[in-house]
Amino acid sequence: MKCSKNCGDCGCNIIERAEVGKKVCDMEIEAYHQEKIKKIKLSDYWVKKAGKWTILFFYPADFTFICPTELEELAEAYDAFKKLDTEILSVSTDTVFVHKAWHDASDAVKKIKFPMLADPAGKLSRMMGVYLEDDGIALRGSFIIDPDGILRAMEVHDNNIGRSAKELLRKLQAAKFVR
């Protein structure tokens, strides 16, 4: 049986896996952002804020070794992404309360100005194909979504391999150029 909406919002929990060139399902998710816990919809960035590109930046867990270095580099490059009308949404399977504790405790993570999404049930992680069922965490994944909600690029790494904010910025520029 397949949900007619393909978003999971009807309670059926059937969510289509995201594919390059196809619209990403919308969902509401909790976030820690600007010292507050709030709910956001993914489409807030490609509908309500017309013209915005969105980057979903998955990492396995807060309070780990590689994650703060990746997120710090991304935080330092945030202005360059904003100049390209792009919002970054970092995502892990931690709760918003763990995000807040990590933000308060880490000098590197304190630099983050973008929303930190909490996906403790793994719904968004599963939809994007990065959820590790046996571990309850996400792989490192980067996803570029255009202003129409279409997934334009994706990259998934083993959790022992970090990513480069510069390379992600280059891929965003390429995606914008060919759109």
Foldseek 3Di string as FASTA:
>chain_A
DADPLQACPVVPLRHAAADAQDFQRKDWFWWCAPNDIDIDIPLCLLPVLPFEKEKEWEAWDAPDDQVLVQQLQLLVCVVVNVVNRYAYEYEKQADNVSLNVSCVVDPSNVSHRGIYTHNVVCSVQVSHPFADVVVSIGFGKMWIAGSVRGTNDMDTDGNVDHDHSVVVSVVNVVSVVVD
